[in-house]
Protein backbone atom coordinates (compact mmCIF):
# COMPACT_ATOMS: atom_id res chain seq x y z
CA MET A 1 -48.76 2.06 -56.87
CA GLY A 2 -47.66 5.21 -58.76
CA GLU A 3 -44.95 5.97 -56.17
CA ALA A 4 -43.66 2.39 -56.30
CA LYS A 5 -43.59 2.51 -60.10
CA ASP A 6 -41.73 5.86 -60.03
CA ARG A 7 -39.18 4.40 -57.59
CA ALA A 8 -38.71 1.35 -59.80
CA GLU A 9 -38.05 3.60 -62.81
CA CYS A 10 -35.67 5.85 -60.87
CA GLN A 11 -31.98 5.84 -61.41
CA TRP A 12 -30.26 6.15 -58.04
CA HIS A 13 -27.21 8.34 -57.63
CA VAL A 14 -25.20 9.34 -54.60
CA SER A 15 -23.21 12.53 -54.77
CA LYS A 16 -20.36 12.84 -52.28
CA ARG A 17 -17.89 15.71 -52.55
CA GLU A 18 -14.80 16.28 -50.44
CA GLY A 19 -15.31 19.06 -47.93
CA GLU A 20 -19.12 18.99 -47.94
CA SER A 21 -20.45 20.10 -44.59
CA VAL A 22 -24.21 20.51 -44.99
CA ASN A 23 -26.37 17.42 -44.60
CA PRO A 24 -27.22 16.09 -48.03
CA GLU A 25 -30.80 15.41 -49.01
CA TRP A 26 -32.48 13.11 -51.50
CA VAL A 27 -33.81 14.96 -54.51
CA ARG A 28 -36.01 13.61 -57.31
CA LEU A 29 -35.35 15.19 -60.69
CA ARG A 30 -37.08 14.37 -63.96
CA ILE A 31 -34.52 14.90 -66.69
CA ASN A 32 -35.14 14.06 -70.34
CA GLY A 33 -38.21 12.08 -69.31
CA GLN A 34 -36.35 9.91 -66.82
CA LEU A 35 -36.70 10.14 -63.05
CA HIS A 36 -33.45 10.35 -61.07
CA GLU A 37 -33.20 10.23 -57.30
CA ILE A 38 -29.97 11.84 -56.17
CA GLU A 39 -28.46 12.51 -52.76
CA LEU A 40 -26.85 15.93 -52.89
CA GLN A 41 -26.03 19.06 -50.99
CA PRO A 42 -28.86 21.62 -51.12
CA ASN A 43 -26.51 24.28 -52.51
CA ARG A 44 -25.55 22.27 -55.63
CA LEU A 45 -26.21 23.95 -58.94
CA LEU A 46 -28.20 22.13 -61.58
CA ILE A 47 -25.34 22.38 -64.09
CA ASP A 48 -23.05 20.51 -61.68
CA VAL A 49 -25.61 17.80 -61.00
CA LEU A 50 -26.20 17.35 -64.74
CA ARG A 51 -22.53 17.25 -65.70
CA ASP A 52 -20.84 15.67 -62.67
CA ASP A 53 -23.46 13.34 -61.20
CA LEU A 54 -25.55 12.34 -64.21
CA ARG A 55 -22.79 12.66 -66.82
CA LEU A 56 -25.01 14.71 -69.12
CA THR A 57 -22.11 16.78 -70.40
CA GLY A 58 -23.88 18.45 -73.32
CA THR A 59 -24.81 21.33 -71.02
CA LYS A 60 -21.76 23.58 -71.00
CA ARG A 61 -20.28 25.81 -68.31
CA GLY A 62 -19.36 29.19 -69.72
CA CYS A 63 -19.65 32.26 -67.55
CA ASP A 64 -21.25 31.12 -64.25
CA ASP A 65 -23.36 34.29 -64.20
CA SER A 66 -26.04 33.61 -66.86
CA SER A 67 -24.56 35.98 -69.42
CA CYS A 68 -23.47 33.49 -72.11
CA GLY A 69 -26.30 30.92 -72.46
CA ALA A 70 -23.98 27.90 -72.80
CA CYS A 71 -25.70 26.25 -69.83
CA THR A 72 -29.25 26.66 -71.19
CA VAL A 73 -31.68 23.84 -70.43
CA LEU A 74 -35.45 23.74 -70.79
CA VAL A 75 -37.41 23.69 -67.55
CA ASP A 76 -41.05 22.90 -68.20
CA ASP A 77 -40.32 23.78 -71.84
CA GLU A 78 -38.87 27.25 -71.07
CA PRO A 79 -35.18 28.14 -71.41
CA GLN A 80 -33.32 28.59 -68.12
CA MET A 81 -29.66 29.05 -67.21
CA SER A 82 -28.59 26.01 -65.21
CA CYS A 83 -25.48 27.77 -63.86
CA LEU A 84 -27.72 29.77 -61.50
CA MET A 85 -30.30 27.14 -60.59
CA LEU A 86 -30.21 25.18 -57.34
CA ALA A 87 -31.03 21.61 -58.29
CA VAL A 88 -33.23 21.07 -55.22
CA SER A 89 -35.59 23.80 -56.48
CA TYR A 90 -36.61 21.83 -59.58
CA GLN A 91 -38.00 18.60 -58.14
CA GLU A 92 -41.45 19.11 -59.65
CA ALA A 93 -40.16 20.26 -63.06
CA GLU A 94 -39.43 18.50 -66.34
CA ILE A 95 -35.87 19.35 -67.32
CA THR A 96 -34.66 18.85 -70.89
CA THR A 97 -30.99 18.92 -71.82
CA ILE A 98 -29.51 18.64 -75.30
CA GLU A 99 -29.28 14.89 -74.74
CA GLY A 100 -33.08 14.78 -74.56
CA VAL A 101 -33.79 16.63 -77.81
CA ALA A 102 -33.46 13.70 -80.22
CA ALA A 103 -36.59 11.55 -80.41
CA ASP A 104 -36.65 7.85 -79.64
CA THR A 105 -38.08 5.84 -82.53
CA GLU A 106 -38.49 2.14 -83.23
CA SER A 107 -35.26 2.19 -85.25
CA GLY A 108 -33.24 4.17 -82.67
CA GLN A 109 -32.91 7.88 -82.13
CA GLU A 110 -33.92 10.45 -84.71
CA LEU A 111 -32.35 13.88 -84.61
CA ASP A 112 -34.64 16.83 -84.06
CA ALA A 113 -35.11 19.19 -87.02
CA LEU A 114 -32.90 21.73 -85.22
CA GLN A 115 -30.09 19.22 -84.79
CA ARG A 116 -30.35 18.27 -88.46
CA GLY A 117 -30.48 21.94 -89.49
CA PHE A 118 -27.33 22.70 -87.52
CA ALA A 119 -25.54 19.73 -89.11
CA MET A 120 -26.63 20.71 -92.62
CA GLU A 121 -25.84 24.42 -92.35
CA GLY A 122 -22.66 24.24 -90.25
CA GLY A 123 -24.29 26.06 -87.35
CA ALA A 124 -22.35 24.11 -84.74
CA GLN A 125 -19.05 25.79 -85.67
CA CYS A 126 -16.81 24.89 -82.66
CA GLY A 127 -19.83 23.35 -80.90
CA TYR A 128 -19.43 24.87 -77.44
CA CYS A 129 -22.49 27.14 -77.58
CA THR A 130 -24.55 24.76 -79.73
CA PRO A 131 -26.48 22.87 -77.00
CA GLY A 132 -27.69 26.11 -75.41
CA VAL A 133 -28.50 27.68 -78.77
CA ILE A 134 -30.47 24.63 -79.91
CA LEU A 135 -32.52 24.59 -76.69
CA ALA A 136 -33.24 28.33 -76.93
CA ALA A 137 -34.24 27.84 -80.59
CA LYS A 138 -36.40 24.85 -79.65
CA TYR A 139 -38.35 27.08 -77.28
CA LEU A 140 -38.69 29.73 -80.01
CA LEU A 141 -40.00 27.24 -82.58
CA ALA A 142 -42.49 25.82 -80.07
CA GLN A 143 -43.88 29.34 -79.68
CA ASN A 144 -43.50 30.43 -83.30
CA PRO A 145 -42.97 27.69 -85.92
CA ASP A 146 -42.02 30.19 -88.66
CA PRO A 147 -40.05 33.05 -87.08
CA SER A 148 -38.47 35.89 -89.02
CA GLU A 149 -34.71 36.39 -88.96
CA GLN A 150 -35.17 39.22 -86.47
CA GLU A 151 -37.27 37.00 -84.18
CA ILE A 152 -34.58 34.31 -84.33
CA ARG A 153 -31.90 36.87 -83.46
CA GLU A 154 -33.94 38.15 -80.52
CA ALA A 155 -34.67 34.64 -79.23
CA LEU A 156 -30.98 33.73 -79.35
CA SER A 157 -29.70 37.03 -77.98
CA GLY A 158 -28.94 35.40 -74.61
CA ASN A 159 -26.65 32.85 -76.24
CA LEU A 160 -23.15 34.02 -77.08
CA CYS A 161 -21.13 32.50 -79.91
CA ARG A 162 -17.47 33.43 -79.97
CA CYS A 163 -16.65 31.78 -83.30
CA THR A 164 -17.49 33.49 -86.57
CA GLY A 165 -20.80 35.10 -85.85
CA TYR A 166 -24.40 34.15 -86.10
CA SER A 167 -25.08 33.84 -89.83
CA GLN A 168 -24.66 30.03 -89.86
CA ILE A 169 -26.69 29.72 -86.65
CA ILE A 170 -29.55 31.77 -88.15
CA ALA A 171 -29.35 29.70 -91.36
CA SER A 172 -29.47 26.52 -89.24
CA VAL A 173 -32.66 27.60 -87.48
CA ARG A 174 -34.24 28.61 -90.82
CA LYS A 175 -33.25 25.17 -92.20
CA ALA A 176 -34.91 23.51 -89.19
CA VAL A 177 -38.12 25.43 -89.98
CA GLU A 178 -37.93 24.18 -93.57
CA LEU A 179 -37.27 20.58 -92.46
CA ALA A 180 -40.17 20.65 -89.99
CA ARG A 181 -42.47 22.07 -92.67
CA GLU A 182 -41.41 19.35 -95.13
CA ARG A 183 -42.02 16.67 -92.55
CA LEU A 184 -45.52 17.98 -91.81
CA SER A 185 -46.43 18.15 -95.50
CA SER A 186 -45.14 14.62 -96.13
CA ARG A 187 -47.40 13.28 -93.38
CA GLY A 188 -50.39 14.38 -95.26
């Protein structure tokens, strides 16, 4: 029954690219809590599957060698660079993209404290690095809900921002800590 239920909840996708020569295979990926079954070439990178096949374009392509962090996603709640990950290798994992960070509520979606912090403090700047930075910061705050500025800098050191620097990004993460603390205290 569980398999039938999973199949019923699946979104089906077929990925066909011109010039593909290897036999495609069906892959089951759980992304942002939703199961997707996708036919794809075994050499497809996760970033390409996310952006091209699933249209989850929040994950950005930057360097293609894991040196900029723009493609950061969470895999089983740990930050990973999707530009180096073969999608077929993550069938048993829970993958979270920036699109999966906001929480579903009865009244719609509610932004995560990090998303609200970035909006309030101007941390998005041009916005290109923001999805990767927010996911790296989300991992940090799950491990340490009240990090120092130095701990924030270290946690985000794999995410490059080419705009004005990191002061607004650091302030945004600190604001998220404050917002999360306020929310906890208001609950009782």
